[in-house]
Every structure is written in C-alpha cells, then in structure tokens.
C-alpha cells in the first residue's frame, strides 16, 4: 500500500518540475536511502530548483554553496575568528552545517575545495582546526554539475563520485511540459509557497522504514551477479565496488517503498541501476560520454534473473 505522505511529496514536486517523474522519483528514493545526490546537466534545466523543492517539501533546513574556482575549504567548513573581548578564538560554522547542502556547480571548484566535502558526506561530521564536529541530522548533499566538456570545470575524482549514491540527469522537457512551464506561474514563487509535507523526524522514520524493506537471498544473489559481471567484463576500467552494491540495494529498497511494498523485486534493482552505474563505470577506452541507460540495459541483458 502506497504511503500518502510520499504520494503528496511526489505530487508537489511534479507540479513544479514538469515532465520529469522518473528523475524526481529517483531523487526522493536517494534521500530515503540516506544518500547524496549528483545532478549533471546543462544550465537552465531545473537542477537547482529541484534541490530547493526537495528541501522545502521535506521540511529541512537548506543552504546553497556556489562553487567557484577561487573557493577554499574554509568557505565550506567554517573558520575560527579571534574575539578581542574574550581573548579567544571562536569557531564560526560554515554553510555545511545544515540539513540539505546544495553544492551548486560543484565541478567549478578546484579539487582542494571539493575535498572539503569528503568527510562530511561519508561520516556526517567535519574536522576543522583539529576538532571534529557533528553535522545536523538528517544530512544530505545535493550537488549539481555542468557537463565536463564545458569551459572552467574540474572533473570530480573517483573517490568523490563514489560518495554520491545516485547520479541523475533532467534533460530538456518534452514540448507539452515546456509549454505548460512557459504559460504557467513563476517557479520560484511556487517554491516559496510550498508547505512542508513532513518534518525531519518523520523523514528519519521513513528512512528507518526503508532500511526494513526485505531483500531476499535470491535478490542479493542478483545484485552480486551484476557486480561480478562488471568486474570480469573487459569493457570497464574497474567494476562496481562493494559500496556500489550497498548503494544499489539501498535505493532499490527505497524504490520498493515508494511503490508501497515491503519487499524488493528484481525490477526495483533494474529501475535504479542506471543511476548507480552512471558515475561508477567508465569504459576502458574513455573517449566518449557513457550512456547510463544503455550501460544498465546491457548489464540487465547479460545477467540472468535469479
């Protein structure tokens, strides 16, 4: 049985981001699975708006960080400033200390600035000036990036990419959705008028419920078989890691919950597979952009169902 709060959240987002039901559903599944989301696409297709809407309908605190080539790690994490009155240094938290961080155009920043997110994304904490500080819960990074062939970009290293649970694209809207967009209300105003459907406590409960979705032994065998095929295939520089397998299973559980089921089907794994392989599998001859849907389809065809 589908959960009414999740149905309401999806309906609100689909009213603002038009004609993108599948990417929107994947985005929500990513957050239910406690993961971070990477959105790669051309400027102007709604990446930033999607991040705003997700934070709004989930009732989460939101900060946007505009990544630039001159950004330093302290601009993200925070810095200690000397207070003359107290005669001591006081730490001023950076924008990372919030529940949803929009890392906008993350690949415009240098690798040094990008690396400031690594500990936060993996361990939900940051270490600055010798002291470790916990981040708010729940905590998500939603990053947008422009295609790497554009001028002024620094490709994310594999270690950074692997910390994103899913990578999605939005693409251009179809003609009907674009016409509705052009003739409709201002999207920014619509976002401002949104009311939260749940609060952080409810979201954590839904995340716990997602973890409890049952995955059978046969289904885990299927996930392992998909990963094993990528590791032995001569097509890829490296196969899917154990962390990628955990990611695939986690998002498949969330996909099943969005369908109102308490168990994962192989179809759930197949549905979310493109978002898992999009940033993790690179062809041995890395001369062209990898089509995630085509890669996932080839894997599904090559690996029989359990």
C-alpha atoms as a PDB file:
ATOM      1  CA  UNK A   1       0.000   0.000   0.000  1.00  0.00           C
ATOM      2  CA  UNK A   2       1.433   3.350  -1.053  1.00  0.00           C
ATOM      3  CA  UNK A   3       2.201   5.837   1.713  1.00  0.00           C
ATOM      4  CA  UNK A   4       0.067   9.007   1.393  1.00  0.00           C
ATOM      5  CA  UNK A   5       2.833  11.337   2.612  1.00  0.00           C
ATOM      6  CA  UNK A   6       5.206  10.090  -0.091  1.00  0.00           C
ATOM      7  CA  UNK A   7       2.490  10.411  -2.730  1.00  0.00           C
ATOM      8  CA  UNK A   8       1.856  14.013  -1.623  1.00  0.00           C
ATOM      9  CA  UNK A   9       5.580  14.837  -1.740  1.00  0.00           C
ATOM     10  CA  UNK A  10       5.929  13.464  -5.269  1.00  0.00           C
ATOM     11  CA  UNK A  11       2.802  15.331  -6.396  1.00  0.00           C
ATOM     12  CA  UNK A  12       4.128  18.653  -5.040  1.00  0.00           C
ATOM     13  CA  UNK A  13       7.485  18.242  -6.770  1.00  0.00           C
ATOM     14  CA  UNK A  14       5.886  17.186 -10.064  1.00  0.00           C
ATOM     15  CA  UNK A  15       3.735  20.322 -10.055  1.00  0.00           C
ATOM     16  CA  UNK A  16       6.883  22.453 -10.160  1.00  0.00           C
ATOM     17  CA  UNK A  17       9.390  20.296 -12.081  1.00  0.00           C
ATOM     18  CA  UNK A  18       7.271  19.349 -15.084  1.00  0.00           C
ATOM     19  CA  UNK A  19       7.569  16.167 -17.108  1.00  0.00           C
ATOM     20  CA  UNK A  20      10.397  14.632 -15.028  1.00  0.00           C
ATOM     21  CA  UNK A  21       8.575  11.990 -12.984  1.00  0.00           C
ATOM     22  CA  UNK A  22      11.358   9.407 -13.101  1.00  0.00           C
ATOM     23  CA  UNK A  23      14.286  11.694 -12.078  1.00  0.00           C
ATOM     24  CA  UNK A  24      12.105  13.136  -9.316  1.00  0.00           C
ATOM     25  CA  UNK A  25      11.237   9.688  -8.004  1.00  0.00           C
ATOM     26  CA  UNK A  26      14.911   8.693  -8.101  1.00  0.00           C
ATOM     27  CA  UNK A  27      15.831  11.850  -6.175  1.00  0.00           C
ATOM     28  CA  UNK A  28      13.343  11.088  -3.416  1.00  0.00           C
ATOM     29  CA  UNK A  29      14.470   7.446  -3.310  1.00  0.00           C
ATOM     30  CA  UNK A  30      18.067   8.651  -2.874  1.00  0.00           C
ATOM     31  CA  UNK A  31      17.170  10.721   0.193  1.00  0.00           C
ATOM     32  CA  UNK A  32      15.042   7.925   1.675  1.00  0.00           C
ATOM     33  CA  UNK A  33      18.112   5.696   1.324  1.00  0.00           C
ATOM     34  CA  UNK A  34      20.207   8.256   3.260  1.00  0.00           C
ATOM     35  CA  UNK A  35      22.279   9.045   0.201  1.00  0.00           C
ATOM     36  CA  UNK A  36      23.731  12.065  -1.533  1.00  0.00           C
ATOM     37  CA  UNK A  37      22.560  13.078  -4.994  1.00  0.00           C
ATOM     38  CA  UNK A  38      24.543  14.303  -8.014  1.00  0.00           C
ATOM     39  CA  UNK A  39      22.644  16.018 -10.834  1.00  0.00           C
ATOM     40  CA  UNK A  40      24.592  16.579 -14.041  1.00  0.00           C
ATOM     41  CA  UNK A  41      23.052  18.525 -16.864  1.00  0.00           C
ATOM     42  CA  UNK A  42      23.161  21.718 -18.883  1.00  0.00           C
ATOM     43  CA  UNK A  43      22.447  25.037 -17.156  1.00  0.00           C
ATOM     44  CA  UNK A  44      18.802  26.052 -17.023  1.00  0.00           C
ATOM     45  CA  UNK A  45      17.006  22.698 -16.925  1.00  0.00           C
ATOM     46  CA  UNK A  46      15.900  22.863 -13.275  1.00  0.00           C
ATOM     47  CA  UNK A  47      18.715  21.284 -11.244  1.00  0.00           C
ATOM     48  CA  UNK A  48      18.812  23.983  -8.576  1.00  0.00           C
ATOM     49  CA  UNK A  49      15.026  24.243  -8.437  1.00  0.00           C
ATOM     50  CA  UNK A  50      14.740  20.504  -7.787  1.00  0.00           C
ATOM     51  CA  UNK A  51      17.109  20.778  -4.806  1.00  0.00           C
ATOM     52  CA  UNK A  52      15.114  23.706  -3.394  1.00  0.00           C
ATOM     53  CA  UNK A  53      11.824  21.845  -3.764  1.00  0.00           C
ATOM     54  CA  UNK A  54      13.131  18.661  -2.130  1.00  0.00           C
ATOM     55  CA  UNK A  55      14.338  20.578   0.922  1.00  0.00           C
ATOM     56  CA  UNK A  56      11.093  22.533   1.117  1.00  0.00           C
ATOM     57  CA  UNK A  57       8.625  19.644   0.965  1.00  0.00           C
ATOM     58  CA  UNK A  58      10.718  17.546   3.387  1.00  0.00           C
ATOM     59  CA  UNK A  59      10.816  20.366   5.936  1.00  0.00           C
ATOM     60  CA  UNK A  60      14.615  20.542   6.002  1.00  0.00           C
ATOM     61  CA  UNK A  61      16.978  23.461   6.626  1.00  0.00           C
ATOM     62  CA  UNK A  62      18.708  24.459   3.395  1.00  0.00           C
ATOM     63  CA  UNK A  63      21.937  26.191   2.411  1.00  0.00           C
ATOM     64  CA  UNK A  64      23.288  26.826  -1.055  1.00  0.00           C
ATOM     65  CA  UNK A  65      27.025  26.962  -1.734  1.00  0.00           C
ATOM     66  CA  UNK A  66      28.014  28.402  -5.095  1.00  0.00           C
ATOM     67  CA  UNK A  67      31.241  26.643  -6.014  1.00  0.00           C
ATOM     68  CA  UNK A  68      33.862  28.746  -7.795  1.00  0.00           C
ATOM     69  CA  UNK A  69      37.457  28.287  -8.849  1.00  0.00           C
ATOM     70  CA  UNK A  70      38.785  30.505  -6.006  1.00  0.00           C
ATOM     71  CA  UNK A  71      36.847  28.750  -3.218  1.00  0.00           C
ATOM     72  CA  UNK A  72      38.752  27.447  -0.181  1.00  0.00           C
ATOM     73  CA  UNK A  73      37.786  24.602   2.187  1.00  0.00           C
ATOM     74  CA  UNK A  74      37.207  27.145   4.981  1.00  0.00           C
ATOM     75  CA  UNK A  75      34.481  28.747   2.862  1.00  0.00           C
ATOM     76  CA  UNK A  76      32.563  25.468   3.229  1.00  0.00           C
ATOM     77  CA  UNK A  77      33.538  24.176   6.668  1.00  0.00           C
ATOM     78  CA  UNK A  78      33.905  27.408   8.634  1.00  0.00           C
ATOM     79  CA  UNK A  79      36.710  29.291  10.329  1.00  0.00           C
ATOM     80  CA  UNK A  80      37.853  30.422  13.787  1.00  0.00           C
ATOM     81  CA  UNK A  81      37.931  34.163  14.377  1.00  0.00           C
ATOM     82  CA  UNK A  82      39.673  35.882  17.284  1.00  0.00           C
ATOM     83  CA  UNK A  83      37.334  37.664  19.691  1.00  0.00           C
ATOM     84  CA  UNK A  84      39.064  40.597  21.417  1.00  0.00           C
ATOM     85  CA  UNK A  85      36.533  40.750  24.256  1.00  0.00           C
ATOM     86  CA  UNK A  86      37.019  37.121  25.321  1.00  0.00           C
ATOM     87  CA  UNK A  87      40.637  36.870  24.208  1.00  0.00           C
ATOM     88  CA  UNK A  88      39.942  33.559  22.465  1.00  0.00           C
ATOM     89  CA  UNK A  89      39.217  32.122  19.054  1.00  0.00           C
ATOM     90  CA  UNK A  90      35.599  31.175  18.311  1.00  0.00           C
ATOM     91  CA  UNK A  91      34.589  28.823  15.541  1.00  0.00           C
ATOM     92  CA  UNK A  92      32.062  30.182  13.055  1.00  0.00           C
ATOM     93  CA  UNK A  93      30.372  27.241  11.284  1.00  0.00           C
ATOM     94  CA  UNK A  94      30.299  27.298   7.512  1.00  0.00           C
ATOM     95  CA  UNK A  95      27.289  26.581   5.293  1.00  0.00           C
ATOM     96  CA  UNK A  96      27.961  22.823   5.520  1.00  0.00           C
ATOM     97  CA  UNK A  97      26.238  22.862   8.940  1.00  0.00           C
ATOM     98  CA  UNK A  98      22.697  22.394   7.698  1.00  0.00           C
ATOM     99  CA  UNK A  99      20.414  19.523   6.731  1.00  0.00           C
ATOM    100  CA  UNK A 100      20.451  19.979   2.951  1.00  0.00           C
ATOM    101  CA  UNK A 101      23.521  21.454   1.268  1.00  0.00           C
ATOM    102  CA  UNK A 102      23.182  22.412  -2.371  1.00  0.00           C
ATOM    103  CA  UNK A 103      26.705  22.257  -3.796  1.00  0.00           C
ATOM    104  CA  UNK A 104      25.902  24.249  -6.910  1.00  0.00           C
ATOM    105  CA  UNK A 105      28.192  23.698  -9.909  1.00  0.00           C
ATOM    106  CA  UNK A 106      30.494  21.596  -7.747  1.00  0.00           C
ATOM    107  CA  UNK A 107      32.895  20.947 -10.616  1.00  0.00           C
ATOM    108  CA  UNK A 108      33.632  24.671 -10.972  1.00  0.00           C
ATOM    109  CA  UNK A 109      35.749  24.426  -7.794  1.00  0.00           C
ATOM    110  CA  UNK A 110      39.262  23.030  -7.573  1.00  0.00           C
ATOM    111  CA  UNK A 111      39.891  19.526  -6.169  1.00  0.00           C
ATOM    112  CA  UNK A 112      41.140  21.128  -2.928  1.00  0.00           C
ATOM    113  CA  UNK A 113      37.754  22.756  -2.322  1.00  0.00           C
ATOM    114  CA  UNK A 114      35.854  19.661  -3.476  1.00  0.00           C
ATOM    115  CA  UNK A 115      37.742  17.533  -0.939  1.00  0.00           C
ATOM    116  CA  UNK A 116      36.211  19.533   1.910  1.00  0.00           C
ATOM    117  CA  UNK A 117      33.005  17.567   1.383  1.00  0.00           C
ATOM    118  CA  UNK A 118      34.529  14.079   1.601  1.00  0.00           C
ATOM    119  CA  UNK A 119      34.382  13.568   5.373  1.00  0.00           C
ATOM    120  CA  UNK A 120      31.004  15.277   5.638  1.00  0.00           C
ATOM    121  CA  UNK A 121      29.441  13.029   3.018  1.00  0.00           C
ATOM    122  CA  UNK A 122      30.882   9.805   4.377  1.00  0.00           C
ATOM    123  CA  UNK A 123      30.742  10.281   8.142  1.00  0.00           C
ATOM    124  CA  UNK A 124      28.247  13.128   8.645  1.00  0.00           C
ATOM    125  CA  UNK A 125      30.890  15.141  10.508  1.00  0.00           C
ATOM    126  CA  UNK A 126      33.644  17.616   9.728  1.00  0.00           C
ATOM    127  CA  UNK A 127      37.082  18.093  11.247  1.00  0.00           C
ATOM    128  CA  UNK A 128      38.235  21.689  11.252  1.00  0.00           C
ATOM    129  CA  UNK A 129      41.268  23.074  13.076  1.00  0.00           C
ATOM    130  CA  UNK A 130      41.816  19.824  14.958  1.00  0.00           C
ATOM    131  CA  UNK A 131      38.274  19.421  16.301  1.00  0.00           C
ATOM    132  CA  UNK A 132      35.559  17.106  14.989  1.00  0.00           C
ATOM    133  CA  UNK A 133      32.025  18.473  14.876  1.00  0.00           C
ATOM    134  CA  UNK A 134      28.855  16.521  14.103  1.00  0.00           C
ATOM    135  CA  UNK A 135      26.539  17.683  11.347  1.00  0.00           C
ATOM    136  CA  UNK A 136      22.765  18.051  11.734  1.00  0.00           C
ATOM    137  CA  UNK A 137      20.590  15.016  11.128  1.00  0.00           C
ATOM    138  CA  UNK A 138      19.394  14.174   8.605  1.00  0.00           C
ATOM    139  CA  UNK A 139      22.176  15.468   6.354  1.00  0.00           C
ATOM    140  CA  UNK A 140      22.251  15.437   2.561  1.00  0.00           C
ATOM    141  CA  UNK A 141      24.453  16.877  -0.149  1.00  0.00           C
ATOM    142  CA  UNK A 142      22.684  17.596  -3.417  1.00  0.00           C
ATOM    143  CA  UNK A 143      25.326  18.604  -5.936  1.00  0.00           C
ATOM    144  CA  UNK A 144      24.829  19.961  -9.418  1.00  0.00           C
ATOM    145  CA  UNK A 145      27.492  19.945 -12.068  1.00  0.00           C
ATOM    146  CA  UNK A 146      27.773  21.083 -15.635  1.00  0.00           C
ATOM    147  CA  UNK A 147      28.924  18.592 -18.278  1.00  0.00           C
ATOM    148  CA  UNK A 148      32.689  18.180 -18.013  1.00  0.00           C
ATOM    149  CA  UNK A 149      33.275  19.306 -21.587  1.00  0.00           C
ATOM    150  CA  UNK A 150      32.217  22.851 -20.641  1.00  0.00           C
ATOM    151  CA  UNK A 151      34.875  25.501 -20.039  1.00  0.00           C
ATOM    152  CA  UNK A 152      36.129  26.003 -16.472  1.00  0.00           C
ATOM    153  CA  UNK A 153      35.260  22.627 -14.966  1.00  0.00           C
ATOM    154  CA  UNK A 154      37.369  20.298 -12.803  1.00  0.00           C
ATOM    155  CA  UNK A 155      36.228  16.666 -13.103  1.00  0.00           C
ATOM    156  CA  UNK A 156      35.343  15.065  -9.765  1.00  0.00           C
ATOM    157  CA  UNK A 157      37.791  12.313  -8.738  1.00  0.00           C
ATOM    158  CA  UNK A 158      36.505   8.753  -8.379  1.00  0.00           C
ATOM    159  CA  UNK A 159      36.667   8.918  -4.569  1.00  0.00           C
ATOM    160  CA  UNK A 160      34.337  11.926  -4.596  1.00  0.00           C
ATOM    161  CA  UNK A 161      31.980  10.488  -7.198  1.00  0.00           C
ATOM    162  CA  UNK A 162      31.595   7.232  -5.290  1.00  0.00           C
ATOM    163  CA  UNK A 163      30.214   9.087  -2.282  1.00  0.00           C
ATOM    164  CA  UNK A 164      27.177  10.103  -4.302  1.00  0.00           C
ATOM    165  CA  UNK A 165      24.568   7.389  -4.020  1.00  0.00           C
ATOM    166  CA  UNK A 166      22.932   8.326  -7.323  1.00  0.00           C
ATOM    167  CA  UNK A 167      23.726  10.414 -10.359  1.00  0.00           C
ATOM    168  CA  UNK A 168      20.819  11.596 -12.495  1.00  0.00           C
ATOM    169  CA  UNK A 169      20.082  13.909 -15.395  1.00  0.00           C
ATOM    170  CA  UNK A 170      16.985  16.012 -16.017  1.00  0.00           C
ATOM    171  CA  UNK A 171      17.292  16.834 -19.709  1.00  0.00           C
ATOM    172  CA  UNK A 172      15.066  19.104 -21.747  1.00  0.00           C
ATOM    173  CA  UNK A 173      11.321  18.926 -21.056  1.00  0.00           C
ATOM    174  CA  UNK A 174       9.038  17.489 -23.706  1.00  0.00           C
ATOM    175  CA  UNK A 175       7.043  20.047 -25.769  1.00  0.00           C
ATOM    176  CA  UNK A 176       3.858  19.706 -23.697  1.00  0.00           C
ATOM    177  CA  UNK A 177       5.693  20.154 -20.375  1.00  0.00           C
ATOM    178  CA  UNK A 178       7.707  23.069 -21.746  1.00  0.00           C
ATOM    179  CA  UNK A 179       4.563  24.806 -22.974  1.00  0.00           C
ATOM    180  CA  UNK A 180       2.939  24.395 -19.561  1.00  0.00           C
ATOM    181  CA  UNK A 181       6.106  25.804 -17.995  1.00  0.00           C
ATOM    182  CA  UNK A 182       6.099  28.845 -20.280  1.00  0.00           C
ATOM    183  CA  UNK A 183       2.399  29.547 -19.773  1.00  0.00           C
ATOM    184  CA  UNK A 184       2.319  28.792 -16.037  1.00  0.00           C
ATOM    185  CA  UNK A 185       3.218  30.560 -12.814  1.00  0.00           C
ATOM    186  CA  UNK A 186       6.719  31.631 -11.801  1.00  0.00           C
ATOM    187  CA  UNK A 187       8.564  28.581 -10.453  1.00  0.00           C
ATOM    188  CA  UNK A 188      10.435  30.495  -7.733  1.00  0.00           C
ATOM    189  CA  UNK A 189       7.168  31.832  -6.374  1.00  0.00           C
ATOM    190  CA  UNK A 190       5.674  28.353  -6.443  1.00  0.00           C
ATOM    191  CA  UNK A 191       8.608  27.035  -4.413  1.00  0.00           C
ATOM    192  CA  UNK A 192       8.236  29.874  -1.900  1.00  0.00           C
ATOM    193  CA  UNK A 193       4.556  28.987  -1.457  1.00  0.00           C
ATOM    194  CA  UNK A 194       5.223  25.286  -0.781  1.00  0.00           C
ATOM    195  CA  UNK A 195       4.438  23.927   2.660  1.00  0.00           C
ATOM    196  CA  UNK A 196       6.418  21.035   4.166  1.00  0.00           C
ATOM    197  CA  UNK A 197       4.654  17.690   3.912  1.00  0.00           C
ATOM    198  CA  UNK A 198       6.738  16.114   6.677  1.00  0.00           C
ATOM    199  CA  UNK A 199       9.344  17.190   9.223  1.00  0.00           C
ATOM    200  CA  UNK A 200      12.872  15.849   9.875  1.00  0.00           C
ATOM    201  CA  UNK A 201      11.607  13.403  12.499  1.00  0.00           C
ATOM    202  CA  UNK A 202       9.102  11.929  10.027  1.00  0.00           C
ATOM    203  CA  UNK A 203      11.826  11.685   7.381  1.00  0.00           C
ATOM    204  CA  UNK A 204      14.103   9.730   9.715  1.00  0.00           C
ATOM    205  CA  UNK A 205      11.200   7.364  10.445  1.00  0.00           C
ATOM    206  CA  UNK A 206      10.697   6.855   6.699  1.00  0.00           C
ATOM    207  CA  UNK A 207      14.426   6.195   6.291  1.00  0.00           C
ATOM    208  CA  UNK A 208      14.234   3.558   9.027  1.00  0.00           C
ATOM    209  CA  UNK A 209      11.250   2.044   7.261  1.00  0.00           C
ATOM    210  CA  UNK A 210      13.233   1.981   4.030  1.00  0.00           C
ATOM    211  CA  UNK A 211      16.038   0.025   5.680  1.00  0.00           C
ATOM    212  CA  UNK A 212      13.478  -2.514   6.901  1.00  0.00           C
ATOM    213  CA  UNK A 213      12.239  -3.340   3.377  1.00  0.00           C
ATOM    214  CA  UNK A 214      13.037  -7.021   2.845  1.00  0.00           C
ATOM    215  CA  UNK A 215      15.602  -8.164   0.285  1.00  0.00           C
ATOM    216  CA  UNK A 216      15.613 -11.939  -0.260  1.00  0.00           C
ATOM    217  CA  UNK A 217      18.715 -14.066  -0.591  1.00  0.00           C
ATOM    218  CA  UNK A 218      17.936 -14.582  -4.283  1.00  0.00           C
ATOM    219  CA  UNK A 219      17.742 -10.834  -4.838  1.00  0.00           C
ATOM    220  CA  UNK A 220      21.087 -10.292  -3.099  1.00  0.00           C
ATOM    221  CA  UNK A 221      22.490 -13.009  -5.392  1.00  0.00           C
ATOM    222  CA  UNK A 222      21.234 -10.948  -8.346  1.00  0.00           C
ATOM    223  CA  UNK A 223      22.971  -7.776  -7.078  1.00  0.00           C
ATOM    224  CA  UNK A 224      26.193  -9.739  -6.619  1.00  0.00           C
ATOM    225  CA  UNK A 225      25.893 -11.230 -10.115  1.00  0.00           C
ATOM    226  CA  UNK A 226      25.507  -7.771 -11.658  1.00  0.00           C
ATOM    227  CA  UNK A 227      28.600  -6.533  -9.823  1.00  0.00           C
ATOM    228  CA  UNK A 228      30.597  -9.662 -10.694  1.00  0.00           C
ATOM    229  CA  UNK A 229      29.823  -9.192 -14.385  1.00  0.00           C
ATOM    230  CA  UNK A 230      31.217  -5.639 -14.340  1.00  0.00           C
ATOM    231  CA  UNK A 231      34.377  -6.854 -12.597  1.00  0.00           C
ATOM    232  CA  UNK A 232      35.142  -9.539 -15.174  1.00  0.00           C
ATOM    233  CA  UNK A 233      33.999  -7.681 -18.277  1.00  0.00           C
ATOM    234  CA  UNK A 234      36.807  -6.237 -20.452  1.00  0.00           C
ATOM    235  CA  UNK A 235      34.681  -3.149 -21.182  1.00  0.00           C
ATOM    236  CA  UNK A 236      35.328  -1.255 -17.945  1.00  0.00           C
ATOM    237  CA  UNK A 237      38.317   0.299 -16.235  1.00  0.00           C
ATOM    238  CA  UNK A 238      37.031  -1.148 -12.936  1.00  0.00           C
ATOM    239  CA  UNK A 239      33.878  -2.931 -11.851  1.00  0.00           C
ATOM    240  CA  UNK A 240      31.278  -1.988  -9.270  1.00  0.00           C
ATOM    241  CA  UNK A 241      32.670  -1.858  -5.724  1.00  0.00           C
ATOM    242  CA  UNK A 242      31.056  -3.341  -2.606  1.00  0.00           C
ATOM    243  CA  UNK A 243      29.921   0.196  -1.738  1.00  0.00           C
ATOM    244  CA  UNK A 244      28.177   0.385  -5.114  1.00  0.00           C
ATOM    245  CA  UNK A 245      26.379  -2.902  -4.319  1.00  0.00           C
ATOM    246  CA  UNK A 246      25.207  -1.483  -0.995  1.00  0.00           C
ATOM    247  CA  UNK A 247      24.040   1.640  -2.814  1.00  0.00           C
ATOM    248  CA  UNK A 248      22.130  -0.405  -5.385  1.00  0.00           C
ATOM    249  CA  UNK A 249      20.363  -2.386  -2.672  1.00  0.00           C
ATOM    250  CA  UNK A 250      19.574   0.722  -0.607  1.00  0.00           C
ATOM    251  CA  UNK A 251      17.993   2.613  -3.493  1.00  0.00           C
ATOM    252  CA  UNK A 252      16.095  -0.486  -4.628  1.00  0.00           C
ATOM    253  CA  UNK A 253      14.593  -0.706  -1.123  1.00  0.00           C
ATOM    254  CA  UNK A 254      13.512   2.943  -1.345  1.00  0.00           C
ATOM    255  CA  UNK A 255      12.053   2.350  -4.816  1.00  0.00           C
ATOM    256  CA  UNK A 256      10.018  -0.541  -3.428  1.00  0.00           C
ATOM    257  CA  UNK A 257       8.768   1.611  -0.533  1.00  0.00           C
ATOM    258  CA  UNK A 258       7.645   4.292  -2.988  1.00  0.00           C
ATOM    259  CA  UNK A 259       5.618   1.542  -4.690  1.00  0.00           C
ATOM    260  CA  UNK A 260       4.066   0.645  -1.349  1.00  0.00           C
ATOM    261  CA  UNK A 261       5.822  -2.720  -0.968  1.00  0.00           C
ATOM    262  CA  UNK A 262       7.713  -4.204   1.980  1.00  0.00           C
ATOM    263  CA  UNK A 263       9.989  -6.326  -0.224  1.00  0.00           C
ATOM    264  CA  UNK A 264      12.362  -5.677  -3.121  1.00  0.00           C
ATOM    265  CA  UNK A 265      11.752  -7.112  -6.585  1.00  0.00           C
ATOM    266  CA  UNK A 266      14.395  -7.582  -9.299  1.00  0.00           C
ATOM    267  CA  UNK A 267      12.509  -4.902 -11.265  1.00  0.00           C
ATOM    268  CA  UNK A 268      13.328  -2.407  -8.499  1.00  0.00           C
ATOM    269  CA  UNK A 269      17.037  -3.159  -8.896  1.00  0.00           C
ATOM    270  CA  UNK A 270      16.771  -2.786 -12.669  1.00  0.00           C
ATOM    271  CA  UNK A 271      14.856   0.506 -12.365  1.00  0.00           C
ATOM    272  CA  UNK A 272      17.513   2.233 -10.255  1.00  0.00           C
ATOM    273  CA  UNK A 273      20.557   0.630 -11.883  1.00  0.00           C
ATOM    274  CA  UNK A 274      21.240   3.489 -14.376  1.00  0.00           C
ATOM    275  CA  UNK A 275      21.688   5.970 -11.515  1.00  0.00           C
ATOM    276  CA  UNK A 276      24.173   3.644  -9.819  1.00  0.00           C
ATOM    277  CA  UNK A 277      26.359   2.905 -12.858  1.00  0.00           C
ATOM    278  CA  UNK A 278      26.243   6.417 -14.369  1.00  0.00           C
ATOM    279  CA  UNK A 279      29.229   7.698 -12.372  1.00  0.00           C
ATOM    280  CA  UNK A 280      30.889   4.436 -11.367  1.00  0.00           C
ATOM    281  CA  UNK A 281      31.547   2.568 -14.618  1.00  0.00           C
ATOM    282  CA  UNK A 282      33.972   4.059 -17.104  1.00  0.00           C
ATOM    283  CA  UNK A 283      34.749   2.405 -20.423  1.00  0.00           C
ATOM    284  CA  UNK A 284      38.273   1.104 -20.906  1.00  0.00           C
ATOM    285  CA  UNK A 285      38.628   3.456 -23.849  1.00  0.00           C
ATOM    286  CA  UNK A 286      37.296   6.604 -22.200  1.00  0.00           C
ATOM    287  CA  UNK A 287      36.761   8.546 -25.404  1.00  0.00           C
ATOM    288  CA  UNK A 288      33.029   9.139 -25.289  1.00  0.00           C
ATOM    289  CA  UNK A 289      30.354  10.007 -22.773  1.00  0.00           C
ATOM    290  CA  UNK A 290      28.819   6.911 -21.190  1.00  0.00           C
ATOM    291  CA  UNK A 291      25.067   6.472 -21.649  1.00  0.00           C
ATOM    292  CA  UNK A 292      23.887   5.181 -18.260  1.00  0.00           C
ATOM    293  CA  UNK A 293      20.618   3.770 -19.605  1.00  0.00           C
ATOM    294  CA  UNK A 294      22.454   1.840 -22.316  1.00  0.00           C
ATOM    295  CA  UNK A 295      25.024   0.507 -19.828  1.00  0.00           C
ATOM    296  CA  UNK A 296      22.281  -0.619 -17.433  1.00  0.00           C
ATOM    297  CA  UNK A 297      20.310  -2.234 -20.258  1.00  0.00           C
ATOM    298  CA  UNK A 298      23.382  -4.176 -21.383  1.00  0.00           C
ATOM    299  CA  UNK A 299      24.002  -5.379 -17.815  1.00  0.00           C
ATOM    300  CA  UNK A 300      20.391  -6.446 -17.385  1.00  0.00           C
ATOM    301  CA  UNK A 301      20.549  -8.378 -20.647  1.00  0.00           C
ATOM    302  CA  UNK A 302      23.857 -10.048 -19.770  1.00  0.00           C
ATOM    303  CA  UNK A 303      22.951 -11.158 -16.230  1.00  0.00           C
ATOM    304  CA  UNK A 304      20.001 -13.573 -15.933  1.00  0.00           C
ATOM    305  CA  UNK A 305      17.408 -13.117 -13.190  1.00  0.00           C
ATOM    306  CA  UNK A 306      17.721 -15.396 -10.169  1.00  0.00           C
END
